[in-house]
Amino acid sequence: MRLSLHTERWATRSPFRITGTVFEAFESVVVELADEGYVGRGEALGVYYLQESAQGLLAQIEAQAAVLEQGMTRQDLQSLLPPGGARNALDCALWDLEARRLKTSIWALTGIAPRPLSTVFTIGIEATPAAMGDKAAAAQGHPLLKVKLDGDRPLERMQAIRSERPDARLVVDANQGWTLAQLTEVAPAMADLGVEMIEQPLPRGADAGLVGLRSPVPLCADESCLHLGELDQAAERYQMVNIKLDKAGGLTHGLALAAAARERGMGVMVGCMGGSSLAMAPAFVLGCIADLVDIDGPLLQRRDRLNGLRYADGRADPPPTDLWG
């Protein structure tokens, strides 16, 4: 098995701001694994708040070149690399290579039935509530909006968005930007506005106050649940978990995490760290067994790779097999 690596830079349509970070581009690593005339690919961005970078992912992946040449399997990979972007890129490339070598599809390999998915469209943080309302108004073709918030006037921002989009389903992502006091203060009003879920309101490692809390809006763990090893604690504090393949380290671990979350009675969301359709395609598979899907990465970019996912009216079609899987 031969390994090829390169990095890509996908510019955003406009500066994309969340709590504490502004993205002007998504930097990704693409893995290509060639074997017996077949090539499997995987794309990963890593976890920015864990200081993963494209160059760091390259180094982690390159260190596995000798093992890959000897015939690494997805099962081998789980113990060779920790959860994170490097393992994600390799894992997804191995899934793609397996499907091509066996002349089958990812759907046959996983036993998951493909279907079109409704995906959120993300509204980033703007300077004023009115500007966020304008962004929501401009997203008329998207019936499900995910709104990024921080500690600055979160309720006013949601009121402006609801005023412009009385028709939309709304979920909120605070990206660790609130305090417990702020959450308990604004959650009832968020429920009144029809907000269906609040994602990661408190900082990772500072959310013990959620144990036993009866929030009027379901809470979803993102930064507070990276992988299976953190699920039990998250289940005590949250009603949902957002599974991102860059956090979990690939589709293999992501599927196991989804099954374990279901066993604990939790809802499952599938998210992304941004990126092109090659990064979205494996997440799409997981999205077919999820309650909420956030795979709008290509919609936030100025362009996507050729033959990518097709998006229309807030929905995405299953990925073409010549793209991945």
C-alpha atoms as a PDB file:
ATOM      1  CA  MET A   1       0.000   0.000   0.000  1.00  0.00           C
ATOM      2  CA  ARG A   2       1.483   3.374  -1.043  1.00  0.00           C
ATOM      3  CA  LEU A   3       0.817   6.589   0.845  1.00  0.00           C
ATOM      4  CA  SER A   4       0.508  10.030  -0.750  1.00  0.00           C
ATOM      5  CA  LEU A   5      -0.202  13.215   1.195  1.00  0.00           C
ATOM      6  CA  HIS A   6      -0.950  16.842   0.424  1.00  0.00           C
ATOM      7  CA  THR A   7      -2.549  19.839   2.083  1.00  0.00           C
ATOM      8  CA  GLU A   8      -5.371  21.999   0.779  1.00  0.00           C
ATOM      9  CA  ARG A   9      -6.671  25.444   1.685  1.00  0.00           C
ATOM     10  CA  TRP A  10     -10.360  26.215   1.224  1.00  0.00           C
ATOM     11  CA  ALA A  11     -11.149  29.932   1.530  1.00  0.00           C
ATOM     12  CA  THR A  12     -14.405  30.843   3.277  1.00  0.00           C
ATOM     13  CA  ARG A  13     -17.045  32.950   1.565  1.00  0.00           C
ATOM     14  CA  SER A  14     -16.567  35.574   4.267  1.00  0.00           C
ATOM     15  CA  PRO A  15     -14.793  35.596   7.652  1.00  0.00           C
ATOM     16  CA  PHE A  16     -16.541  32.948   9.751  1.00  0.00           C
ATOM     17  CA  ARG A  17     -16.564  33.848  13.431  1.00  0.00           C
ATOM     18  CA  ILE A  18     -17.340  31.646  16.403  1.00  0.00           C
ATOM     19  CA  THR A  19     -16.486  32.081  20.086  1.00  0.00           C
ATOM     20  CA  GLY A  20     -12.791  32.973  20.269  1.00  0.00           C
ATOM     21  CA  THR A  21     -11.894  32.148  16.644  1.00  0.00           C
ATOM     22  CA  VAL A  22     -12.291  33.590  13.145  1.00  0.00           C
ATOM     23  CA  PHE A  23     -11.815  31.349  10.110  1.00  0.00           C
ATOM     24  CA  GLU A  24     -10.861  32.847   6.761  1.00  0.00           C
ATOM     25  CA  ALA A  25     -10.011  29.438   5.317  1.00  0.00           C
ATOM     26  CA  PHE A  26     -10.175  25.766   6.224  1.00  0.00           C
ATOM     27  CA  GLU A  27      -6.796  24.009   6.066  1.00  0.00           C
ATOM     28  CA  SER A  28      -7.043  20.278   5.421  1.00  0.00           C
ATOM     29  CA  VAL A  29      -4.867  17.237   4.821  1.00  0.00           C
ATOM     30  CA  VAL A  30      -5.762  14.739   2.095  1.00  0.00           C
ATOM     31  CA  VAL A  31      -4.546  11.132   2.305  1.00  0.00           C
ATOM     32  CA  GLU A  32      -4.389   8.894  -0.765  1.00  0.00           C
ATOM     33  CA  LEU A  33      -3.744   5.165  -0.323  1.00  0.00           C
ATOM     34  CA  ALA A  34      -2.954   3.176  -3.480  1.00  0.00           C
ATOM     35  CA  ASP A  35      -3.070  -0.606  -3.616  1.00  0.00           C
ATOM     36  CA  GLU A  36      -3.462  -3.030  -6.509  1.00  0.00           C
ATOM     37  CA  GLY A  37      -4.536  -0.245  -8.862  1.00  0.00           C
ATOM     38  CA  TYR A  38      -7.148   1.198  -6.499  1.00  0.00           C
ATOM     39  CA  VAL A  39      -6.918   4.515  -4.641  1.00  0.00           C
ATOM     40  CA  GLY A  40      -8.779   5.449  -1.466  1.00  0.00           C
ATOM     41  CA  ARG A  41      -8.929   9.014  -0.156  1.00  0.00           C
ATOM     42  CA  GLY A  42      -9.661  10.754   3.111  1.00  0.00           C
ATOM     43  CA  GLU A  43      -9.699  14.421   4.154  1.00  0.00           C
ATOM     44  CA  ALA A  44      -9.268  15.809   7.669  1.00  0.00           C
ATOM     45  CA  LEU A  45      -8.915  19.235   9.253  1.00  0.00           C
ATOM     46  CA  GLY A  46      -8.029  18.270  12.794  1.00  0.00           C
ATOM     47  CA  VAL A  47      -9.340  19.834  16.000  1.00  0.00           C
ATOM     48  CA  TYR A  48      -8.321  23.487  16.181  1.00  0.00           C
ATOM     49  CA  TYR A  49      -8.961  23.886  19.927  1.00  0.00           C
ATOM     50  CA  LEU A  50      -6.618  20.967  20.591  1.00  0.00           C
ATOM     51  CA  GLN A  51      -3.974  22.826  18.545  1.00  0.00           C
ATOM     52  CA  GLU A  52      -4.039  20.310  15.711  1.00  0.00           C
ATOM     53  CA  SER A  53      -2.678  21.781  12.478  1.00  0.00           C
ATOM     54  CA  ALA A  54      -2.245  20.579   8.908  1.00  0.00           C
ATOM     55  CA  GLN A  55       1.514  20.286   9.398  1.00  0.00           C
ATOM     56  CA  GLY A  56       1.050  18.325  12.612  1.00  0.00           C
ATOM     57  CA  LEU A  57      -1.364  15.934  10.936  1.00  0.00           C
ATOM     58  CA  LEU A  58       1.093  15.383   8.092  1.00  0.00           C
ATOM     59  CA  ALA A  59       3.816  14.401  10.554  1.00  0.00           C
ATOM     60  CA  GLN A  60       1.537  11.965  12.400  1.00  0.00           C
ATOM     61  CA  ILE A  61       0.419  10.312   9.185  1.00  0.00           C
ATOM     62  CA  GLU A  62       3.897  10.134   7.652  1.00  0.00           C
ATOM     63  CA  ALA A  63       5.096   8.298  10.765  1.00  0.00           C
ATOM     64  CA  GLN A  64       2.720   5.447   9.816  1.00  0.00           C
ATOM     65  CA  ALA A  65       4.076   5.006   6.270  1.00  0.00           C
ATOM     66  CA  ALA A  66       6.029   1.827   7.049  1.00  0.00           C
ATOM     67  CA  VAL A  67       3.035   0.170   8.720  1.00  0.00           C
ATOM     68  CA  LEU A  68       0.817   1.150   5.796  1.00  0.00           C
ATOM     69  CA  GLU A  69       3.214  -0.469   3.345  1.00  0.00           C
ATOM     70  CA  GLN A  70       2.848  -3.732   5.268  1.00  0.00           C
ATOM     71  CA  GLY A  71      -0.956  -3.631   4.954  1.00  0.00           C
ATOM     72  CA  MET A  72      -2.520  -1.614   7.773  1.00  0.00           C
ATOM     73  CA  THR A  73      -6.201  -2.345   8.491  1.00  0.00           C
ATOM     74  CA  ARG A  74      -8.784  -0.049  10.027  1.00  0.00           C
ATOM     75  CA  GLN A  75      -8.668  -2.190  13.150  1.00  0.00           C
ATOM     76  CA  ASP A  76      -4.857  -1.798  13.354  1.00  0.00           C
ATOM     77  CA  LEU A  77      -5.241   1.954  13.010  1.00  0.00           C
ATOM     78  CA  GLN A  78      -7.431   2.309  16.104  1.00  0.00           C
ATOM     79  CA  SER A  79      -4.505   1.367  18.362  1.00  0.00           C
ATOM     80  CA  LEU A  80      -1.725   2.986  16.314  1.00  0.00           C
ATOM     81  CA  LEU A  81      -3.041   6.563  16.459  1.00  0.00           C
ATOM     82  CA  PRO A  82      -5.147   8.414  19.034  1.00  0.00           C
ATOM     83  CA  PRO A  83      -8.481  10.036  18.187  1.00  0.00           C
ATOM     84  CA  GLY A  84      -7.934  13.137  16.061  1.00  0.00           C
ATOM     85  CA  GLY A  85      -7.533  14.403  12.546  1.00  0.00           C
ATOM     86  CA  ALA A  86      -4.629  12.180  11.493  1.00  0.00           C
ATOM     87  CA  ARG A  87      -6.479   8.994  12.335  1.00  0.00           C
ATOM     88  CA  ASN A  88      -9.609  10.374  10.671  1.00  0.00           C
ATOM     89  CA  ALA A  89      -7.888  10.976   7.330  1.00  0.00           C
ATOM     90  CA  LEU A  90      -6.337   7.520   7.328  1.00  0.00           C
ATOM     91  CA  ASP A  91      -9.479   5.747   8.511  1.00  0.00           C
ATOM     92  CA  CYS A  92     -11.642   7.351   5.836  1.00  0.00           C
ATOM     93  CA  ALA A  93      -9.070   6.568   3.145  1.00  0.00           C
ATOM     94  CA  LEU A  94      -9.038   2.916   4.268  1.00  0.00           C
ATOM     95  CA  TRP A  95     -12.849   2.736   4.077  1.00  0.00           C
ATOM     96  CA  ASP A  96     -12.762   4.217   0.563  1.00  0.00           C
ATOM     97  CA  LEU A  97      -9.995   1.858  -0.546  1.00  0.00           C
ATOM     98  CA  GLU A  98     -11.874  -1.152   0.837  1.00  0.00           C
ATOM     99  CA  ALA A  99     -15.036  -0.228  -1.051  1.00  0.00           C
ATOM    100  CA  ARG A 100     -13.130   0.214  -4.315  1.00  0.00           C
ATOM    101  CA  ARG A 101     -11.083  -2.956  -3.924  1.00  0.00           C
ATOM    102  CA  LEU A 102     -14.224  -5.019  -3.230  1.00  0.00           C
ATOM    103  CA  LYS A 103     -16.178  -3.174  -5.964  1.00  0.00           C
ATOM    104  CA  THR A 104     -18.930  -2.379  -3.487  1.00  0.00           C
ATOM    105  CA  SER A 105     -20.223   0.719  -1.697  1.00  0.00           C
ATOM    106  CA  ILE A 106     -19.842   2.219   1.742  1.00  0.00           C
ATOM    107  CA  TRP A 107     -23.535   1.479   2.236  1.00  0.00           C
ATOM    108  CA  ALA A 108     -22.969  -2.240   1.708  1.00  0.00           C
ATOM    109  CA  LEU A 109     -19.904  -2.209   3.961  1.00  0.00           C
ATOM    110  CA  THR A 110     -21.681  -0.467   6.849  1.00  0.00           C
ATOM    111  CA  GLY A 111     -25.206  -1.816   6.357  1.00  0.00           C
ATOM    112  CA  ILE A 112     -26.541   1.750   6.518  1.00  0.00           C
ATOM    113  CA  ALA A 113     -29.233   2.776   4.031  1.00  0.00           C
ATOM    114  CA  PRO A 114     -28.502   5.980   2.111  1.00  0.00           C
ATOM    115  CA  ARG A 115     -31.050   8.783   2.038  1.00  0.00           C
ATOM    116  CA  PRO A 116     -31.073  12.541   1.399  1.00  0.00           C
ATOM    117  CA  LEU A 117     -30.246  14.455   4.557  1.00  0.00           C
ATOM    118  CA  SER A 118     -31.507  17.753   5.914  1.00  0.00           C
ATOM    119  CA  THR A 119     -28.471  19.701   7.072  1.00  0.00           C
ATOM    120  CA  VAL A 120     -28.143  22.871   9.084  1.00  0.00           C
ATOM    121  CA  PHE A 121     -26.836  26.064   7.538  1.00  0.00           C
ATOM    122  CA  THR A 122     -24.595  27.898   9.967  1.00  0.00           C
ATOM    123  CA  ILE A 123     -24.935  31.588  10.816  1.00  0.00           C
ATOM    124  CA  GLY A 124     -21.634  32.854  12.230  1.00  0.00           C
ATOM    125  CA  ILE A 125     -21.302  35.581  14.848  1.00  0.00           C
ATOM    126  CA  GLU A 126     -21.662  39.106  13.468  1.00  0.00           C
ATOM    127  CA  ALA A 127     -21.016  42.445  15.137  1.00  0.00           C
ATOM    128  CA  THR A 128     -24.657  43.179  15.941  1.00  0.00           C
ATOM    129  CA  PRO A 129     -27.929  41.275  16.400  1.00  0.00           C
ATOM    130  CA  ALA A 130     -29.348  43.087  13.363  1.00  0.00           C
ATOM    131  CA  ALA A 131     -26.479  41.873  11.181  1.00  0.00           C
ATOM    132  CA  MET A 132     -27.177  38.306  12.245  1.00  0.00           C
ATOM    133  CA  GLY A 133     -30.844  38.807  11.443  1.00  0.00           C
ATOM    134  CA  ASP A 134     -29.811  39.976   7.979  1.00  0.00           C
ATOM    135  CA  LYS A 135     -27.679  36.838   7.522  1.00  0.00           C
ATOM    136  CA  ALA A 136     -30.622  34.655   8.492  1.00  0.00           C
ATOM    137  CA  ALA A 137     -32.905  36.530   6.110  1.00  0.00           C
ATOM    138  CA  ALA A 138     -30.431  35.954   3.283  1.00  0.00           C
ATOM    139  CA  ALA A 139     -30.523  32.190   3.993  1.00  0.00           C
ATOM    140  CA  GLN A 140     -34.152  31.769   2.907  1.00  0.00           C
ATOM    141  CA  GLY A 141     -33.357  28.528   1.109  1.00  0.00           C
ATOM    142  CA  HIS A 142     -32.276  26.879   4.352  1.00  0.00           C
ATOM    143  CA  PRO A 143     -35.106  25.782   6.678  1.00  0.00           C
ATOM    144  CA  LEU A 144     -32.757  24.670   9.514  1.00  0.00           C
ATOM    145  CA  LEU A 145     -30.305  27.221  10.900  1.00  0.00           C
ATOM    146  CA  LYS A 146     -27.496  26.655  13.375  1.00  0.00           C
ATOM    147  CA  VAL A 147     -26.643  29.934  15.069  1.00  0.00           C
ATOM    148  CA  LYS A 148     -23.207  30.588  16.547  1.00  0.00           C
ATOM    149  CA  LEU A 149     -23.359  32.642  19.752  1.00  0.00           C
ATOM    150  CA  ASP A 150     -20.988  33.856  22.441  1.00  0.00           C
ATOM    151  CA  GLY A 151     -21.568  35.702  25.684  1.00  0.00           C
ATOM    152  CA  ASP A 152     -22.423  38.992  23.966  1.00  0.00           C
ATOM    153  CA  ARG A 153     -26.206  39.542  23.775  1.00  0.00           C
ATOM    154  CA  PRO A 154     -27.136  35.966  22.847  1.00  0.00           C
ATOM    155  CA  LEU A 155     -30.856  36.458  23.430  1.00  0.00           C
ATOM    156  CA  GLU A 156     -30.995  39.675  21.404  1.00  0.00           C
ATOM    157  CA  ARG A 157     -29.248  37.943  18.533  1.00  0.00           C
ATOM    158  CA  MET A 158     -31.718  35.063  18.563  1.00  0.00           C
ATOM    159  CA  GLN A 159     -34.659  37.452  18.748  1.00  0.00           C
ATOM    160  CA  ALA A 160     -33.359  39.267  15.656  1.00  0.00           C
ATOM    161  CA  ILE A 161     -32.984  35.973  13.794  1.00  0.00           C
ATOM    162  CA  ARG A 162     -36.429  34.745  14.797  1.00  0.00           C
ATOM    163  CA  SER A 163     -37.928  38.064  13.683  1.00  0.00           C
ATOM    164  CA  GLU A 164     -36.400  37.635  10.221  1.00  0.00           C
ATOM    165  CA  ARG A 165     -37.022  33.897   9.985  1.00  0.00           C
ATOM    166  CA  PRO A 166     -40.270  32.942  11.757  1.00  0.00           C
ATOM    167  CA  ASP A 167     -40.381  29.869   9.497  1.00  0.00           C
ATOM    168  CA  ALA A 168     -36.974  28.407  10.371  1.00  0.00           C
ATOM    169  CA  ARG A 169     -36.020  25.626  12.736  1.00  0.00           C
ATOM    170  CA  LEU A 170     -33.272  26.918  15.009  1.00  0.00           C
ATOM    171  CA  VAL A 171     -30.443  25.346  16.972  1.00  0.00           C
ATOM    172  CA  VAL A 172     -27.739  27.216  18.872  1.00  0.00           C
ATOM    173  CA  ASP A 173     -24.001  26.603  19.283  1.00  0.00           C
ATOM    174  CA  ALA A 174     -22.291  28.615  22.021  1.00  0.00           C
ATOM    175  CA  ASN A 175     -18.866  26.979  21.479  1.00  0.00           C
ATOM    176  CA  GLN A 176     -18.069  27.063  25.223  1.00  0.00           C
ATOM    177  CA  GLY A 177     -18.902  30.775  25.379  1.00  0.00           C
ATOM    178  CA  TRP A 178     -21.393  30.970  28.274  1.00  0.00           C
ATOM    179  CA  THR A 179     -21.384  30.639  32.028  1.00  0.00           C
ATOM    180  CA  LEU A 180     -23.787  28.427  33.949  1.00  0.00           C
ATOM    181  CA  ALA A 181     -25.604  31.527  35.189  1.00  0.00           C
ATOM    182  CA  GLN A 182     -26.024  32.806  31.638  1.00  0.00           C
ATOM    183  CA  LEU A 183     -27.317  29.452  30.440  1.00  0.00           C
ATOM    184  CA  THR A 184     -29.955  29.210  33.158  1.00  0.00           C
ATOM    185  CA  GLU A 185     -30.951  32.813  32.485  1.00  0.00           C
ATOM    186  CA  VAL A 186     -31.410  32.590  28.705  1.00  0.00           C
ATOM    187  CA  ALA A 187     -32.540  28.965  28.239  1.00  0.00           C
ATOM    188  CA  PRO A 188     -36.254  29.596  29.036  1.00  0.00           C
ATOM    189  CA  ALA A 189     -36.369  32.470  26.547  1.00  0.00           C
ATOM    190  CA  MET A 190     -34.564  30.335  23.972  1.00  0.00           C
ATOM    191  CA  ALA A 191     -37.264  27.699  24.440  1.00  0.00           C
ATOM    192  CA  ASP A 192     -39.924  30.364  23.889  1.00  0.00           C
ATOM    193  CA  LEU A 193     -38.211  31.298  20.615  1.00  0.00           C
ATOM    194  CA  GLY A 194     -38.460  27.688  19.465  1.00  0.00           C
ATOM    195  CA  VAL A 195     -34.771  26.837  19.799  1.00  0.00           C
ATOM    196  CA  GLU A 196     -34.559  23.041  19.573  1.00  0.00           C
ATOM    197  CA  MET A 197     -31.068  22.446  21.007  1.00  0.00           C
ATOM    198  CA  ILE A 198     -28.193  24.319  22.656  1.00  0.00           C
ATOM    199  CA  GLU A 199     -24.749  22.966  21.820  1.00  0.00           C
ATOM    200  CA  GLN A 200     -21.780  23.214  24.200  1.00  0.00           C
ATOM    201  CA  PRO A 201     -22.888  26.188  26.308  1.00  0.00           C
ATOM    202  CA  LEU A 202     -20.087  25.853  28.912  1.00  0.00           C
ATOM    203  CA  PRO A 203     -16.329  25.355  28.563  1.00  0.00           C
ATOM    204  CA  ARG A 204     -14.893  21.870  28.300  1.00  0.00           C
ATOM    205  CA  GLY A 205     -13.815  20.816  31.781  1.00  0.00           C
ATOM    206  CA  ALA A 206     -16.037  23.417  33.452  1.00  0.00           C
ATOM    207  CA  ASP A 207     -19.471  21.900  32.879  1.00  0.00           C
ATOM    208  CA  ALA A 208     -19.978  19.838  36.044  1.00  0.00           C
ATOM    209  CA  GLY A 209     -22.805  22.222  36.948  1.00  0.00           C
ATOM    210  CA  LEU A 210     -24.905  20.581  34.236  1.00  0.00           C
ATOM    211  CA  VAL A 211     -25.253  17.373  36.273  1.00  0.00           C
ATOM    212  CA  GLY A 212     -28.886  17.245  37.355  1.00  0.00           C
ATOM    213  CA  LEU A 213     -29.778  20.482  35.535  1.00  0.00           C
ATOM    214  CA  ARG A 214     -33.244  20.444  33.952  1.00  0.00           C
ATOM    215  CA  SER A 215     -32.780  22.650  30.935  1.00  0.00           C
ATOM    216  CA  PRO A 216     -35.930  23.648  29.022  1.00  0.00           C
ATOM    217  CA  VAL A 217     -33.881  23.171  25.824  1.00  0.00           C
ATOM    218  CA  PRO A 218     -31.912  19.924  25.266  1.00  0.00           C
ATOM    219  CA  LEU A 219     -28.145  20.338  25.632  1.00  0.00           C
ATOM    220  CA  CYS A 220     -25.599  18.790  23.269  1.00  0.00           C
ATOM    221  CA  ALA A 221     -21.957  17.977  24.051  1.00  0.00           C
ATOM    222  CA  ASP A 222     -19.389  18.907  21.429  1.00  0.00           C
ATOM    223  CA  GLU A 223     -16.034  19.925  22.910  1.00  0.00           C
ATOM    224  CA  SER A 224     -16.990  18.012  26.078  1.00  0.00           C
ATOM    225  CA  CYS A 225     -17.121  14.653  24.265  1.00  0.00           C
ATOM    226  CA  LEU A 226     -14.313  13.955  21.847  1.00  0.00           C
ATOM    227  CA  HIS A 227     -14.494  10.143  21.771  1.00  0.00           C
ATOM    228  CA  LEU A 228     -15.853   7.040  23.516  1.00  0.00           C
ATOM    229  CA  GLY A 229     -13.640   7.539  26.552  1.00  0.00           C
ATOM    230  CA  GLU A 230     -15.529  10.735  27.407  1.00  0.00           C
ATOM    231  CA  LEU A 231     -19.060   9.536  26.709  1.00  0.00           C
ATOM    232  CA  ASP A 232     -20.028   8.366  30.200  1.00  0.00           C
ATOM    233  CA  GLN A 233     -19.272  11.750  31.725  1.00  0.00           C
ATOM    234  CA  ALA A 234     -21.026  13.560  28.887  1.00  0.00           C
ATOM    235  CA  ALA A 235     -24.128  11.393  29.359  1.00  0.00           C
ATOM    236  CA  GLU A 236     -24.448  12.740  32.907  1.00  0.00           C
ATOM    237  CA  ARG A 237     -24.491  16.326  31.672  1.00  0.00           C
ATOM    238  CA  TYR A 238     -25.993  16.387  28.181  1.00  0.00           C
ATOM    239  CA  GLN A 239     -28.935  14.925  26.290  1.00  0.00           C
ATOM    240  CA  MET A 240     -27.157  14.750  22.914  1.00  0.00           C
ATOM    241  CA  VAL A 241     -23.637  14.311  21.594  1.00  0.00           C
ATOM    242  CA  ASN A 242     -22.170  15.915  18.479  1.00  0.00           C
ATOM    243  CA  ILE A 243     -19.936  13.370  16.743  1.00  0.00           C
ATOM    244  CA  LYS A 244     -17.297  14.888  14.487  1.00  0.00           C
ATOM    245  CA  LEU A 245     -14.984  12.524  12.648  1.00  0.00           C
ATOM    246  CA  ASP A 246     -12.001  14.791  13.250  1.00  0.00           C
ATOM    247  CA  LYS A 247     -12.600  14.477  17.000  1.00  0.00           C
ATOM    248  CA  ALA A 248     -13.424  10.779  17.027  1.00  0.00           C
ATOM    249  CA  GLY A 249     -10.614   9.827  14.662  1.00  0.00           C
ATOM    250  CA  GLY A 250     -12.638   8.521  11.750  1.00  0.00           C
ATOM    251  CA  LEU A 251     -15.822   6.781  10.689  1.00  0.00           C
ATOM    252  CA  THR A 252     -14.894   3.516  12.434  1.00  0.00           C
ATOM    253  CA  HIS A 253     -14.805   5.146  15.875  1.00  0.00           C
ATOM    254  CA  GLY A 254     -17.668   7.485  14.981  1.00  0.00           C
ATOM    255  CA  LEU A 255     -20.007   4.564  14.319  1.00  0.00           C
ATOM    256  CA  ALA A 256     -19.021   2.956  17.630  1.00  0.00           C
ATOM    257  CA  LEU A 257     -19.581   6.232  19.463  1.00  0.00           C
ATOM    258  CA  ALA A 258     -23.036   6.656  17.905  1.00  0.00           C
ATOM    259  CA  ALA A 259     -24.057   3.144  18.963  1.00  0.00           C
ATOM    260  CA  ALA A 260     -22.803   3.722  22.514  1.00  0.00           C
ATOM    261  CA  ALA A 261     -24.648   7.050  22.746  1.00  0.00           C
ATOM    262  CA  ARG A 262     -27.884   5.354  21.692  1.00  0.00           C
ATOM    263  CA  GLU A 263     -27.378   2.714  24.389  1.00  0.00           C
ATOM    264  CA  ARG A 264     -27.255   5.532  26.936  1.00  0.00           C
ATOM    265  CA  GLY A 265     -30.459   7.094  25.612  1.00  0.00           C
ATOM    266  CA  MET A 266     -28.705  10.095  24.067  1.00  0.00           C
ATOM    267  CA  GLY A 267     -29.563  11.848  20.851  1.00  0.00           C
ATOM    268  CA  VAL A 268     -26.921  11.852  18.117  1.00  0.00           C
ATOM    269  CA  MET A 269     -25.785  14.814  16.073  1.00  0.00           C
ATOM    270  CA  VAL A 270     -23.192  14.657  13.309  1.00  0.00           C
ATOM    271  CA  GLY A 271     -21.048  17.731  12.790  1.00  0.00           C
ATOM    272  CA  CYS A 272     -17.921  18.821  10.965  1.00  0.00           C
ATOM    273  CA  MET A 273     -14.889  21.049  11.392  1.00  0.00           C
ATOM    274  CA  GLY A 274     -15.425  22.518   7.906  1.00  0.00           C
ATOM    275  CA  GLY A 275     -13.823  21.244   4.732  1.00  0.00           C
ATOM    276  CA  SER A 276     -14.785  20.055   1.282  1.00  0.00           C
ATOM    277  CA  SER A 277     -17.184  17.351   0.166  1.00  0.00           C
ATOM    278  CA  LEU A 278     -14.444  14.754   0.584  1.00  0.00           C
ATOM    279  CA  ALA A 279     -14.544  15.468   4.340  1.00  0.00           C
ATOM    280  CA  MET A 280     -18.351  15.553   4.353  1.00  0.00           C
ATOM    281  CA  ALA A 281     -18.869  12.215   2.569  1.00  0.00           C
ATOM    282  CA  PRO A 282     -17.929   9.912   5.502  1.00  0.00           C
ATOM    283  CA  ALA A 283     -19.857  12.192   7.889  1.00  0.00           C
ATOM    284  CA  PHE A 284     -22.858  11.805   5.564  1.00  0.00           C
ATOM    285  CA  VAL A 285     -22.842   8.052   6.253  1.00  0.00           C
ATOM    286  CA  LEU A 286     -23.041   8.678   9.985  1.00  0.00           C
ATOM    287  CA  GLY A 287     -25.676  11.342   9.346  1.00  0.00           C
ATOM    288  CA  CYS A 288     -28.021   8.690   7.980  1.00  0.00           C
ATOM    289  CA  ILE A 289     -28.399   7.261  11.508  1.00  0.00           C
ATOM    290  CA  ALA A 290     -28.368  10.629  13.339  1.00  0.00           C
ATOM    291  CA  ASP A 291     -31.077  12.941  14.684  1.00  0.00           C
ATOM    292  CA  LEU A 292     -29.438  16.179  13.573  1.00  0.00           C
ATOM    293  CA  VAL A 293     -26.915  16.771  10.783  1.00  0.00           C
ATOM    294  CA  ASP A 294     -24.417  19.591  10.318  1.00  0.00           C
ATOM    295  CA  ILE A 295     -22.398  18.930   7.160  1.00  0.00           C
ATOM    296  CA  ASP A 296     -22.575  22.391   5.585  1.00  0.00           C
ATOM    297  CA  GLY A 297     -18.787  22.843   5.341  1.00  0.00           C
ATOM    298  CA  PRO A 298     -18.740  23.255   1.536  1.00  0.00           C
ATOM    299  CA  LEU A 299     -21.523  25.865   1.727  1.00  0.00           C
ATOM    300  CA  LEU A 300     -19.285  28.075   3.882  1.00  0.00           C
ATOM    301  CA  GLN A 301     -16.472  27.965   1.293  1.00  0.00           C
ATOM    302  CA  ARG A 302     -15.985  29.952  -1.888  1.00  0.00           C
ATOM    303  CA  ARG A 303     -15.799  26.707  -3.822  1.00  0.00           C
ATOM    304  CA  ASP A 304     -15.882  22.937  -3.384  1.00  0.00           C
ATOM    305  CA  ARG A 305     -14.011  20.152  -5.154  1.00  0.00           C
ATOM    306  CA  LEU A 306     -15.409  18.848  -8.443  1.00  0.00           C
ATOM    307  CA  ASN A 307     -18.167  16.249  -8.236  1.00  0.00           C
ATOM    308  CA  GLY A 308     -18.914  17.090  -4.621  1.00  0.00           C
ATOM    309  CA  LEU A 309     -22.105  16.722  -2.635  1.00  0.00           C
ATOM    310  CA  ARG A 310     -25.217  18.291  -4.121  1.00  0.00           C
ATOM    311  CA  TYR A 311     -27.021  20.718  -1.810  1.00  0.00           C
ATOM    312  CA  ALA A 312     -30.463  22.196  -2.462  1.00  0.00           C
ATOM    313  CA  ASP A 313     -33.220  23.597  -0.233  1.00  0.00           C
ATOM    314  CA  GLY A 314     -31.388  22.668   2.951  1.00  0.00           C
ATOM    315  CA  ARG A 315     -30.837  19.074   1.877  1.00  0.00           C
ATOM    316  CA  ALA A 316     -27.827  17.098   0.668  1.00  0.00           C
ATOM    317  CA  ASP A 317     -27.867  14.034  -1.565  1.00  0.00           C
ATOM    318  CA  PRO A 318     -25.712  10.959  -0.872  1.00  0.00           C
ATOM    319  CA  PRO A 319     -22.138  11.427  -2.099  1.00  0.00           C
ATOM    320  CA  PRO A 320     -21.238  10.207  -5.571  1.00  0.00           C
ATOM    321  CA  THR A 321     -19.237   6.969  -5.355  1.00  0.00           C
ATOM    322  CA  ASP A 322     -16.450   8.417  -7.505  1.00  0.00           C
ATOM    323  CA  LEU A 323     -15.992  11.090  -4.825  1.00  0.00           C
ATOM    324  CA  TRP A 324     -15.744   8.653  -1.896  1.00  0.00           C
ATOM    325  CA  GLY A 325     -17.044   5.288  -0.735  1.00  0.00           C
END
